[in-house]
Amino acid sequence: MADARFVCDAGELDVVSYRGLPFKPESASGKEFARLKRRLAWSGIFRFEDMYAIAERHLVRAPHLARAISSRFPFVFLDEMQDTDALQQRLLDKIFGAGGTVVQRVGDVNQRIFSGHPKDDAGAASFPAAMASELPVSRRFGGRIAELASELTVHRRQTIVGAGRDGKVALIVFDEQSVAEVVPAFERLAAETVPEDLLTISPPRVLGARKRPGEAKRFPQSVACYVPGFGTDEKVSGTHGSLVELVWASRARWAPGASREAAIDLWDGIRAMVRPYLPAAATPLPALNRMERSPATAGGRIRAILLHFLTGPVEEAETWEALCARLTHALRDLAGLTDRFRMRFGVVSSR
């Protein structure tokens, strides 16, 4: 029933499926499918599109509703018009299309969120109108970024004029092994460009369409690729708990065939825990598969510590403190920091 939805057909509510059904509506299975959907509706369970279908049914059955609503609103302002789909546009036309209301639509087809689906594309087909006024000036950025953005338009050619603060244009190239360094690199660029007081109030944000990789084949698959540990269980993510919680959550995952994943989770959690406290001059902590293996290097020492965390005894306070001290020194050397940078029991501090 997850795919079931109402549609309005000549004033009647029909039950259809997003993906189509292997049976006809008039068959026994089709009738049972419709009954289940209507039973959910009587229980107060609807989809967003069901609301549109019900509204359209009322407009078809009671045309005076459209006249009553439009008389209340002599002016209608529609923002983000590029994301108005065909069904929404049809409802708006039924209510405000008679000409008694001034309708102002504002949007940018090059900023469309929904695209590639017929029901989404149809709604934006009439926008913008042939005589639409252009609003090319943006106060979000300056001329350098505006010039670059003008070349990246997809659906409709635009020349954007930047009237805001002039920023810096940077191209960050990465692969699967270095993807975790993209966010720290951007943070360093932001620190060089944005005044410190503004950066404190509005620090950089990481946005993405997917929180977890799921079954995506293309890389990067999700935000978790850029921010290791983000899409895992909260206890495995070092930003949500102490080092103790992180170690025990990773030990629980340690098993034949999953040892590599447990080690990566533990190290990524430690990196996430340490990252906010690293000074701008520090060397970014690399992914596990990019760390050196020689015991004489900081990377090799960290590998040995991770293995002990995952498989060795850690219950005794003295053992735990010794491991934390070794980890602190190895992290300091790996990041190129001084002795003043310390970490104890999963709490990172810089004195």
Protein backbone atom coordinates (compact mmCIF):
# COMPACT_ATOMS: atom_id res chain seq x y z
CA MET A 1 0.00 0.00 0.00
CA ALA A 2 3.02 2.29 0.14
CA ASP A 3 2.48 3.13 -3.55
CA ALA A 4 -1.29 3.74 -3.37
CA ARG A 5 -2.63 7.24 -3.94
CA PHE A 6 -5.86 9.02 -4.85
CA VAL A 7 -6.39 10.83 -8.14
CA CYS A 8 -9.41 12.91 -9.13
CA ASP A 9 -11.15 11.78 -12.30
CA ALA A 10 -14.30 13.73 -13.28
CA GLY A 11 -15.07 14.52 -9.67
CA GLU A 12 -14.47 10.99 -8.37
CA LEU A 13 -11.56 9.68 -6.33
CA ASP A 14 -9.82 6.73 -7.99
CA VAL A 15 -7.08 4.64 -6.39
CA VAL A 16 -3.92 4.18 -8.45
CA SER A 17 -0.34 3.13 -7.85
CA TYR A 18 2.89 4.99 -8.53
CA ARG A 19 4.54 1.93 -10.05
CA GLY A 20 1.54 0.38 -11.73
CA LEU A 21 -0.18 -2.84 -10.68
CA PRO A 22 0.02 -6.36 -12.14
CA PHE A 23 -3.78 -6.57 -11.98
CA LYS A 24 -6.66 -4.54 -13.44
CA PRO A 25 -8.73 -2.17 -11.24
CA GLU A 26 -11.91 -4.19 -11.85
CA SER A 27 -10.27 -7.49 -10.86
CA ALA A 28 -10.69 -8.99 -7.38
CA SER A 29 -7.15 -7.93 -6.45
CA GLY A 30 -7.70 -4.42 -7.82
CA LYS A 31 -10.92 -3.98 -5.84
CA GLU A 32 -9.22 -5.21 -2.65
CA PHE A 33 -6.34 -2.79 -3.26
CA ALA A 34 -8.82 0.11 -3.53
CA ARG A 35 -10.69 -1.02 -0.40
CA LEU A 36 -7.47 -1.09 1.63
CA LYS A 37 -6.59 2.42 0.46
CA ARG A 38 -10.02 3.77 1.40
CA ARG A 39 -9.85 2.01 4.76
CA LEU A 40 -6.58 3.83 5.47
CA ALA A 41 -8.25 7.09 4.45
CA TRP A 42 -11.13 6.52 6.88
CA SER A 43 -8.46 6.01 9.58
CA GLY A 44 -7.00 9.41 8.74
CA ILE A 45 -3.91 8.19 6.86
CA PHE A 46 -3.20 10.13 3.65
CA ARG A 47 -0.37 10.96 1.29
CA PHE A 48 0.37 14.57 0.33
CA GLU A 49 -0.97 13.92 -3.16
CA ASP A 50 -4.20 12.58 -1.66
CA MET A 51 -4.85 16.06 -0.27
CA TYR A 52 -4.51 17.56 -3.75
CA ALA A 53 -6.88 14.96 -5.22
CA ILE A 54 -9.49 15.61 -2.51
CA ALA A 55 -9.20 19.37 -3.05
CA GLU A 56 -9.62 18.93 -6.79
CA ARG A 57 -12.71 16.78 -6.26
CA HIS A 58 -14.31 19.54 -4.16
CA LEU A 59 -13.50 22.13 -6.82
CA VAL A 60 -15.08 19.99 -9.54
CA ARG A 61 -18.21 19.26 -7.50
CA ALA A 62 -18.61 22.78 -6.11
CA PRO A 63 -17.34 25.36 -8.66
CA HIS A 64 -18.44 28.23 -6.40
CA LEU A 65 -15.55 27.34 -4.03
CA ALA A 66 -13.02 28.61 -6.58
CA ARG A 67 -14.90 31.91 -6.93
CA ALA A 68 -15.15 32.30 -3.15
CA ILE A 69 -11.44 31.65 -2.62
CA SER A 70 -10.24 33.87 -5.47
CA SER A 71 -12.43 36.75 -4.25
CA ARG A 72 -10.56 36.70 -0.94
CA PHE A 73 -7.12 37.00 -2.56
CA PRO A 74 -6.84 39.77 -5.17
CA PHE A 75 -3.06 39.20 -5.30
CA VAL A 76 -1.26 35.83 -5.18
CA PHE A 77 2.52 35.52 -5.02
CA LEU A 78 4.01 32.12 -5.92
CA ASP A 79 7.66 31.72 -4.92
CA GLU A 80 9.95 28.86 -6.07
CA MET A 81 7.64 28.38 -9.03
CA GLN A 82 10.10 26.04 -10.75
CA ASP A 83 9.21 23.30 -8.25
CA THR A 84 5.45 23.52 -8.76
CA ASP A 85 4.34 20.28 -10.39
CA ALA A 86 1.50 19.68 -12.84
CA LEU A 87 -1.12 18.73 -10.23
CA GLN A 88 -0.41 21.80 -8.11
CA GLN A 89 -0.49 24.03 -11.20
CA ARG A 90 -3.85 22.58 -12.22
CA LEU A 91 -5.35 23.38 -8.82
CA LEU A 92 -4.00 26.93 -8.91
CA ASP A 93 -5.45 27.44 -12.38
CA LYS A 94 -8.86 26.17 -11.26
CA ILE A 95 -8.93 28.68 -8.39
CA PHE A 96 -7.16 31.75 -9.78
CA GLY A 97 -7.27 31.20 -13.55
CA ALA A 98 -10.51 33.10 -14.23
CA GLY A 99 -8.71 36.45 -14.35
CA GLY A 100 -10.03 38.12 -11.21
CA THR A 101 -6.77 37.65 -9.31
CA VAL A 102 -3.32 39.01 -10.11
CA VAL A 103 -0.92 36.06 -9.95
CA GLN A 104 2.81 36.78 -9.72
CA ARG A 105 5.16 33.83 -10.20
CA VAL A 106 8.83 33.99 -9.24
CA GLY A 107 11.42 31.27 -9.66
CA ASP A 108 14.47 30.01 -11.51
CA VAL A 109 14.22 26.91 -13.68
CA ASN A 110 17.96 26.34 -13.24
CA GLN A 111 17.36 25.78 -9.51
CA ARG A 112 14.75 23.09 -9.96
CA ILE A 113 14.85 20.41 -7.26
CA PHE A 114 12.43 18.02 -8.95
CA SER A 115 13.28 17.04 -12.50
CA GLY A 116 13.44 14.05 -14.74
CA HIS A 117 9.91 12.82 -13.92
CA PRO A 118 7.01 13.58 -16.30
CA LYS A 119 4.67 14.75 -13.54
CA ASP A 120 7.33 17.21 -12.30
CA ASP A 121 8.43 18.48 -15.70
CA ALA A 122 4.86 19.17 -16.86
CA GLY A 123 4.21 21.64 -14.05
CA ALA A 124 7.13 23.85 -14.96
CA ALA A 125 6.48 23.73 -18.71
CA SER A 126 4.55 27.02 -18.69
CA PHE A 127 7.17 28.78 -16.59
CA PRO A 128 8.60 31.26 -17.26
CA ALA A 129 6.13 32.91 -19.61
CA ALA A 130 7.41 34.37 -22.87
CA MET A 131 7.17 37.96 -21.59
CA ALA A 132 8.58 37.24 -18.12
CA SER A 133 10.84 39.84 -16.54
CA GLU A 134 14.41 38.81 -15.79
CA LEU A 135 15.88 39.29 -12.30
CA PRO A 136 19.56 38.61 -13.03
CA VAL A 137 21.12 40.37 -10.02
CA SER A 138 22.16 38.26 -7.04
CA ARG A 139 23.37 39.77 -3.78
CA ARG A 140 24.54 36.42 -2.45
CA PHE A 141 27.91 36.63 -4.21
CA GLY A 142 30.13 38.87 -6.30
CA GLY A 143 31.13 39.02 -9.93
CA ARG A 144 33.67 36.18 -10.01
CA ILE A 145 31.23 33.57 -8.73
CA ALA A 146 28.39 35.03 -10.83
CA GLU A 147 30.47 34.66 -13.99
CA LEU A 148 31.19 31.02 -13.21
CA ALA A 149 27.57 30.29 -12.22
CA SER A 150 26.35 31.74 -15.53
CA GLU A 151 28.24 28.99 -17.34
CA LEU A 152 26.67 26.24 -15.24
CA THR A 153 23.01 26.88 -16.13
CA VAL A 154 21.27 23.71 -17.32
CA HIS A 155 17.65 24.30 -18.36
CA ARG A 156 17.81 27.89 -19.57
CA ARG A 157 20.68 30.18 -20.50
CA GLN A 158 21.21 32.98 -17.97
CA THR A 159 23.68 35.79 -17.38
CA ILE A 160 23.90 36.28 -13.62
CA VAL A 161 25.14 39.58 -12.22
CA GLY A 162 26.85 39.38 -8.84
CA ALA A 163 26.20 42.36 -6.57
CA GLY A 164 27.33 40.81 -3.31
CA ARG A 165 30.65 40.25 -1.60
CA ASP A 166 33.30 38.96 -3.95
CA GLY A 167 34.40 35.49 -2.93
CA LYS A 168 36.98 32.95 -4.01
CA VAL A 169 36.49 30.32 -6.72
CA ALA A 170 38.18 27.00 -5.93
CA LEU A 171 38.15 23.59 -7.60
CA ILE A 172 38.66 20.64 -5.26
CA VAL A 173 39.69 17.45 -7.06
CA PHE A 174 39.45 14.18 -5.13
CA ASP A 175 39.12 10.43 -5.53
CA GLU A 176 37.73 7.64 -3.39
CA GLN A 177 40.84 7.59 -1.20
CA SER A 178 40.92 11.34 -0.56
CA VAL A 179 37.18 12.15 -0.41
CA ALA A 180 37.29 12.49 3.39
CA GLU A 181 39.68 15.44 3.00
CA VAL A 182 37.22 17.52 0.95
CA VAL A 183 35.38 19.01 3.94
CA PRO A 184 38.56 19.88 5.89
CA ALA A 185 40.00 21.46 2.73
CA PHE A 186 36.86 23.56 2.31
CA GLU A 187 37.01 24.59 5.97
CA ARG A 188 40.56 25.84 5.45
CA LEU A 189 39.49 27.79 2.37
CA ALA A 190 36.62 29.31 4.33
CA ALA A 191 38.99 30.32 7.13
CA GLU A 192 41.20 32.11 4.59
CA THR A 193 38.31 33.93 2.91
CA VAL A 194 35.56 34.64 5.45
CA PRO A 195 36.13 37.05 8.37
CA GLU A 196 36.57 35.18 11.64
CA ASP A 197 33.56 36.79 13.34
CA LEU A 198 31.24 35.76 10.50
CA LEU A 199 32.72 32.26 10.39
CA THR A 200 32.07 31.85 14.10
CA ILE A 201 28.41 32.79 13.70
CA SER A 202 27.86 30.80 10.49
CA PRO A 203 30.36 27.94 10.17
CA PRO A 204 30.49 25.84 6.96
CA ARG A 205 27.67 23.33 6.48
CA VAL A 206 27.73 20.02 4.63
CA LEU A 207 24.59 19.25 2.61
CA GLY A 208 23.75 16.21 0.57
CA ALA A 209 20.82 14.37 -0.98
CA ARG A 210 21.59 11.10 0.81
CA LYS A 211 22.60 10.51 4.43
CA ARG A 212 23.65 6.89 3.93
CA PRO A 213 25.11 5.21 0.81
CA GLY A 214 22.29 2.70 0.44
CA GLU A 215 22.58 0.82 -2.85
CA ALA A 216 23.92 3.71 -4.92
CA LYS A 217 26.54 2.61 -7.46
CA ARG A 218 28.09 5.95 -8.36
CA PHE A 219 30.69 7.60 -6.17
CA PRO A 220 30.39 9.67 -4.02
CA GLN A 221 27.34 7.84 -2.74
CA SER A 222 26.24 10.02 0.18
CA VAL A 223 27.25 12.60 2.78
CA ALA A 224 28.87 9.76 4.73
CA CYS A 225 31.56 9.52 2.02
CA TYR A 226 32.63 13.09 2.75
CA VAL A 227 32.15 12.92 6.53
CA PRO A 228 33.22 9.43 7.71
CA GLY A 229 31.01 8.03 10.43
CA PHE A 230 28.10 10.38 9.69
CA GLY A 231 25.80 7.67 8.38
CA THR A 232 26.73 5.00 10.93
CA ASP A 233 25.27 4.29 14.34
CA GLU A 234 25.62 7.23 16.71
CA LYS A 235 27.92 5.33 19.05
CA VAL A 236 30.29 4.58 16.20
CA SER A 237 30.43 8.24 15.23
CA GLY A 238 33.03 9.92 17.41
CA THR A 239 31.18 13.22 17.38
CA HIS A 240 28.28 11.76 19.39
CA GLY A 241 30.04 10.03 22.27
CA SER A 242 33.26 9.40 24.10
CA LEU A 243 36.21 7.37 22.94
CA VAL A 244 35.08 4.62 25.32
CA GLU A 245 31.72 4.32 23.54
CA LEU A 246 33.40 4.45 20.16
CA VAL A 247 35.82 1.64 21.00
CA TRP A 248 33.16 -0.65 22.44
CA ALA A 249 30.81 -0.06 19.50
CA SER A 250 33.63 -0.94 17.09
CA ARG A 251 34.65 -4.02 19.11
CA ALA A 252 31.06 -5.24 18.82
CA ARG A 253 31.40 -5.13 15.05
CA TRP A 254 34.71 -7.02 15.02
CA ALA A 255 34.12 -10.45 13.50
CA PRO A 256 35.61 -12.68 10.79
CA GLY A 257 34.98 -10.96 7.49
CA ALA A 258 34.15 -7.61 9.09
CA SER A 259 37.46 -6.75 10.75
CA ARG A 260 38.40 -4.20 8.09
CA GLU A 261 35.05 -2.41 8.42
CA ALA A 262 35.36 -2.31 12.22
CA ALA A 263 38.85 -0.81 11.99
CA ILE A 264 37.71 1.79 9.46
CA ASP A 265 34.72 2.73 11.64
CA LEU A 266 36.94 3.12 14.70
CA TRP A 267 39.53 5.26 12.92
CA ASP A 268 36.91 7.36 11.11
CA GLY A 269 35.18 7.94 14.45
CA ILE A 270 38.45 9.11 16.03
CA ARG A 271 39.11 11.41 13.07
CA ALA A 272 35.61 12.90 13.41
CA MET A 273 36.19 13.36 17.14
CA VAL A 274 39.53 15.10 16.69
CA ARG A 275 38.81 17.17 13.56
CA PRO A 276 36.94 20.11 15.22
CA TYR A 277 39.89 20.69 17.54
CA LEU A 278 42.68 20.62 14.98
CA PRO A 279 44.20 24.03 14.23
CA ALA A 280 44.19 25.24 10.64
CA ALA A 281 47.92 24.54 10.33
CA ALA A 282 47.53 20.86 11.20
CA THR A 283 48.02 18.14 8.61
CA PRO A 284 44.62 16.50 7.88
CA LEU A 285 44.32 13.00 9.31
CA PRO A 286 44.29 10.56 6.37
CA ALA A 287 41.91 7.68 5.75
CA LEU A 288 43.02 4.34 7.15
CA ASN A 289 44.03 2.91 3.78
CA ARG A 290 46.33 5.90 3.21
CA MET A 291 48.23 5.61 6.48
CA GLU A 292 51.71 4.14 6.54
CA ARG A 293 52.21 0.67 7.94
CA SER A 294 55.77 0.83 9.21
CA PRO A 295 55.94 0.66 13.04
CA ALA A 296 58.49 3.50 12.91
CA THR A 297 55.85 5.92 11.53
CA ALA A 298 52.92 7.63 13.23
CA GLY A 299 50.54 5.79 10.91
CA GLY A 300 52.02 2.42 11.82
CA ARG A 301 51.80 3.21 15.53
CA ILE A 302 48.14 4.22 15.17
CA ARG A 303 47.38 0.98 13.32
CA ALA A 304 48.83 -0.99 16.24
CA ILE A 305 46.79 1.04 18.74
CA LEU A 306 43.58 0.49 16.77
CA LEU A 307 44.22 -3.25 16.71
CA HIS A 308 44.70 -3.25 20.49
CA PHE A 309 41.51 -1.22 20.94
CA LEU A 310 39.62 -3.75 18.84
CA THR A 311 41.07 -7.05 20.08
CA GLY A 312 43.16 -6.48 23.20
CA PRO A 313 42.28 -6.00 26.87
CA VAL A 314 41.01 -2.47 27.55
CA GLU A 315 39.00 -2.91 30.73
CA GLU A 316 41.73 -1.94 33.21
CA ALA A 317 42.10 1.80 33.87
CA GLU A 318 45.89 1.67 33.63
CA THR A 319 45.77 -0.11 30.27
CA TRP A 320 43.20 2.36 28.97
CA GLU A 321 45.22 5.37 30.07
CA ALA A 322 48.36 3.98 28.47
CA LEU A 323 46.55 3.40 25.17
CA CYS A 324 45.08 6.91 25.24
CA ALA A 325 48.50 8.40 25.90
CA ARG A 326 50.03 6.45 23.00
CA LEU A 327 47.15 7.52 20.75
CA THR A 328 47.60 11.16 21.76
CA HIS A 329 51.30 11.16 20.85
CA ALA A 330 50.67 9.34 17.57
CA LEU A 331 47.86 11.74 16.60
CA ARG A 332 50.06 14.68 17.46
CA ASP A 333 52.85 13.37 15.21
CA LEU A 334 50.47 12.42 12.40
CA ALA A 335 48.94 15.93 12.40
CA GLY A 336 52.29 17.67 12.80
CA LEU A 337 51.32 19.27 16.11
CA THR A 338 53.24 20.16 19.27
CA ASP A 339 53.23 18.60 22.72
CA ARG A 340 50.59 21.13 23.82
CA PHE A 341 47.89 19.21 21.96
CA ARG A 342 46.49 16.50 24.23
CA MET A 343 43.74 13.88 24.24
CA ARG A 344 42.55 11.87 27.24
CA PHE A 345 39.73 9.34 27.44
CA GLY A 346 38.15 10.53 24.21
CA VAL A 347 38.09 14.20 25.21
CA VAL A 348 40.25 16.33 22.98
CA SER A 349 41.71 19.61 24.24
CA SER A 350 44.28 22.11 23.06
CA ARG A 351 46.06 24.05 25.78
